[in-house]
Amino acid sequence: MFTPKIPPPDTAPAPGTSLVPPLTGLVHPPACTCHHTPNVPAPVPAAPARPAVRFTPGSLLVAAAGGTAMVLIIGTVLVSMLLATAITAASVALCAVVLRSLLNRPDNR
C-alpha cells in the first residue's frame, strides 16, 4: 500500500527526458513591449434551457403516498421516543418515592 507504483516499461519515459513537458506559448512576460493581439478564447454557446419538471397523475400519486408514509413513520418514531422517556421518568420517580420512604423511617424495616 505504501510502496511506490512503478509504471510498466512501455509507458515509462525514456532516460534523460523530462517528466514535465516544457511550456510553449503559454507564458508571456508581464513587461512586454511587443504589439500583438491577445489570445481570446472563443465564446461558449449557452446551454439550451431545460424543460420544467412535469408530473403525471401517477407520479403525483406516488409522491403523495411516499410523503404520507414518511410522515407516519417519522411520527411513530418520535411518539415512541417520547413514550420511552415518559416511562423512564415515571419509573425513576417511583424509585425515588420508595427510597425516600425507606430512608425516612429506618425503624420500620
Protein backbone atom coordinates (compact mmCIF):
# COMPACT_ATOMS: atom_id res chain seq x y z
CA MET A 1 0.00 0.00 0.00
CA PHE A 2 2.83 2.41 0.82
CA THR A 3 5.20 1.18 -1.88
CA PRO A 4 5.67 3.41 -4.94
CA LYS A 5 3.86 2.41 -8.10
CA ILE A 6 6.31 1.99 -10.95
CA PRO A 7 4.81 2.31 -14.44
CA PRO A 8 5.28 -0.58 -16.84
CA PRO A 9 8.31 -0.24 -19.16
CA ASP A 10 6.25 0.61 -22.26
CA THR A 11 4.79 3.78 -20.68
CA ALA A 12 7.88 4.91 -18.76
CA PRO A 13 9.65 7.98 -20.20
CA ALA A 14 12.94 7.44 -21.96
CA PRO A 15 16.06 8.05 -19.85
CA GLY A 16 17.24 11.66 -19.95
CA THR A 17 13.86 13.11 -20.91
CA SER A 18 11.90 15.46 -18.73
CA LEU A 19 8.79 14.23 -16.98
CA VAL A 20 7.17 17.67 -17.33
CA PRO A 21 6.71 18.95 -20.90
CA PRO A 22 8.07 22.47 -21.50
CA LEU A 23 5.60 25.36 -21.70
CA THR A 24 5.14 26.59 -25.24
CA GLY A 25 3.35 29.82 -25.95
CA LEU A 26 1.50 29.86 -22.64
CA VAL A 27 3.78 32.18 -20.68
CA HIS A 28 4.12 35.82 -21.66
CA PRO A 29 6.32 38.23 -19.69
CA PRO A 30 4.34 40.97 -17.91
CA ALA A 31 6.67 43.76 -19.11
CA CYS A 32 6.14 43.00 -22.78
CA THR A 33 6.51 45.86 -25.28
CA CYS A 34 5.52 43.89 -28.34
CA HIS A 35 2.29 44.66 -30.16
CA HIS A 36 0.13 41.67 -30.81
CA THR A 37 -3.47 40.69 -30.42
CA PRO A 38 -4.24 38.78 -27.24
CA ASN A 39 -5.28 35.18 -27.48
CA VAL A 40 -9.03 35.43 -26.73
CA PRO A 41 -10.90 32.15 -26.32
CA ALA A 42 -13.97 31.56 -28.42
CA PRO A 43 -17.28 32.29 -26.68
CA VAL A 44 -19.01 29.27 -25.19
CA PRO A 45 -22.52 28.77 -26.53
CA ALA A 46 -25.28 28.96 -23.93
CA ALA A 47 -26.72 25.68 -22.79
CA PRO A 48 -30.25 25.04 -24.00
CA ALA A 49 -32.95 25.71 -21.43
CA ARG A 50 -34.14 22.57 -19.72
CA PRO A 51 -37.85 21.89 -19.73
CA ALA A 52 -39.73 22.27 -16.47
CA VAL A 53 -40.36 19.13 -14.44
CA ARG A 54 -43.75 17.77 -15.31
CA PHE A 55 -45.61 15.36 -13.07
CA THR A 56 -48.04 12.83 -14.41
CA PRO A 57 -51.06 11.87 -12.30
CA GLY A 58 -49.37 8.58 -11.43
CA SER A 59 -46.16 10.23 -10.26
CA LEU A 60 -48.16 12.73 -8.17
CA LEU A 61 -49.97 9.83 -6.53
CA VAL A 62 -46.69 8.05 -5.78
CA ALA A 63 -45.16 11.26 -4.36
CA ALA A 64 -48.19 11.88 -2.14
CA ALA A 65 -48.21 8.29 -0.90
CA GLY A 66 -44.47 8.41 -0.21
CA GLY A 67 -44.79 11.69 1.68
CA THR A 68 -47.66 10.33 3.76
CA ALA A 69 -45.70 7.19 4.57
CA MET A 70 -42.66 9.22 5.63
CA VAL A 71 -44.78 11.45 7.91
CA LEU A 72 -46.38 8.40 9.53
CA ILE A 73 -43.06 6.63 10.05
CA ILE A 74 -41.31 9.69 11.48
CA GLY A 75 -44.33 10.44 13.70
CA THR A 76 -44.34 6.87 15.02
CA VAL A 77 -40.65 7.03 15.86
CA LEU A 78 -40.98 10.38 17.63
CA VAL A 79 -44.03 9.28 19.64
CA SER A 80 -42.29 6.06 20.70
CA MET A 81 -39.22 8.05 21.83
CA LEU A 82 -41.47 10.38 23.85
CA LEU A 83 -43.26 7.39 25.38
CA ALA A 84 -39.93 5.76 26.32
CA THR A 85 -38.84 8.99 28.00
CA ALA A 86 -42.13 9.24 29.92
CA ILE A 87 -41.92 5.62 31.11
CA THR A 88 -38.33 6.12 32.23
CA ALA A 89 -39.23 9.31 34.12
CA ALA A 90 -42.16 7.60 35.85
CA SER A 91 -40.03 4.63 36.94
CA VAL A 92 -37.29 6.93 38.27
CA ALA A 93 -39.92 8.92 40.21
CA LEU A 94 -41.38 5.70 41.66
CA CYS A 95 -37.91 4.54 42.73
CA ALA A 96 -37.30 7.92 44.36
CA VAL A 97 -40.56 7.68 46.35
CA VAL A 98 -39.78 4.15 47.52
CA LEU A 99 -36.22 5.09 48.54
CA ARG A 100 -37.44 8.19 50.35
CA SER A 101 -39.99 6.20 52.33
CA LEU A 102 -37.35 3.62 53.25
CA LEU A 103 -34.80 6.21 54.32
CA ASN A 104 -37.23 8.38 56.32
CA ARG A 105 -38.31 5.57 58.67
CA PRO A 106 -35.30 3.37 59.43
CA ASP A 107 -37.04 1.74 62.45
CA ASN A 108 -39.88 0.27 60.33
CA ARG A 109 -37.83 -2.31 58.47
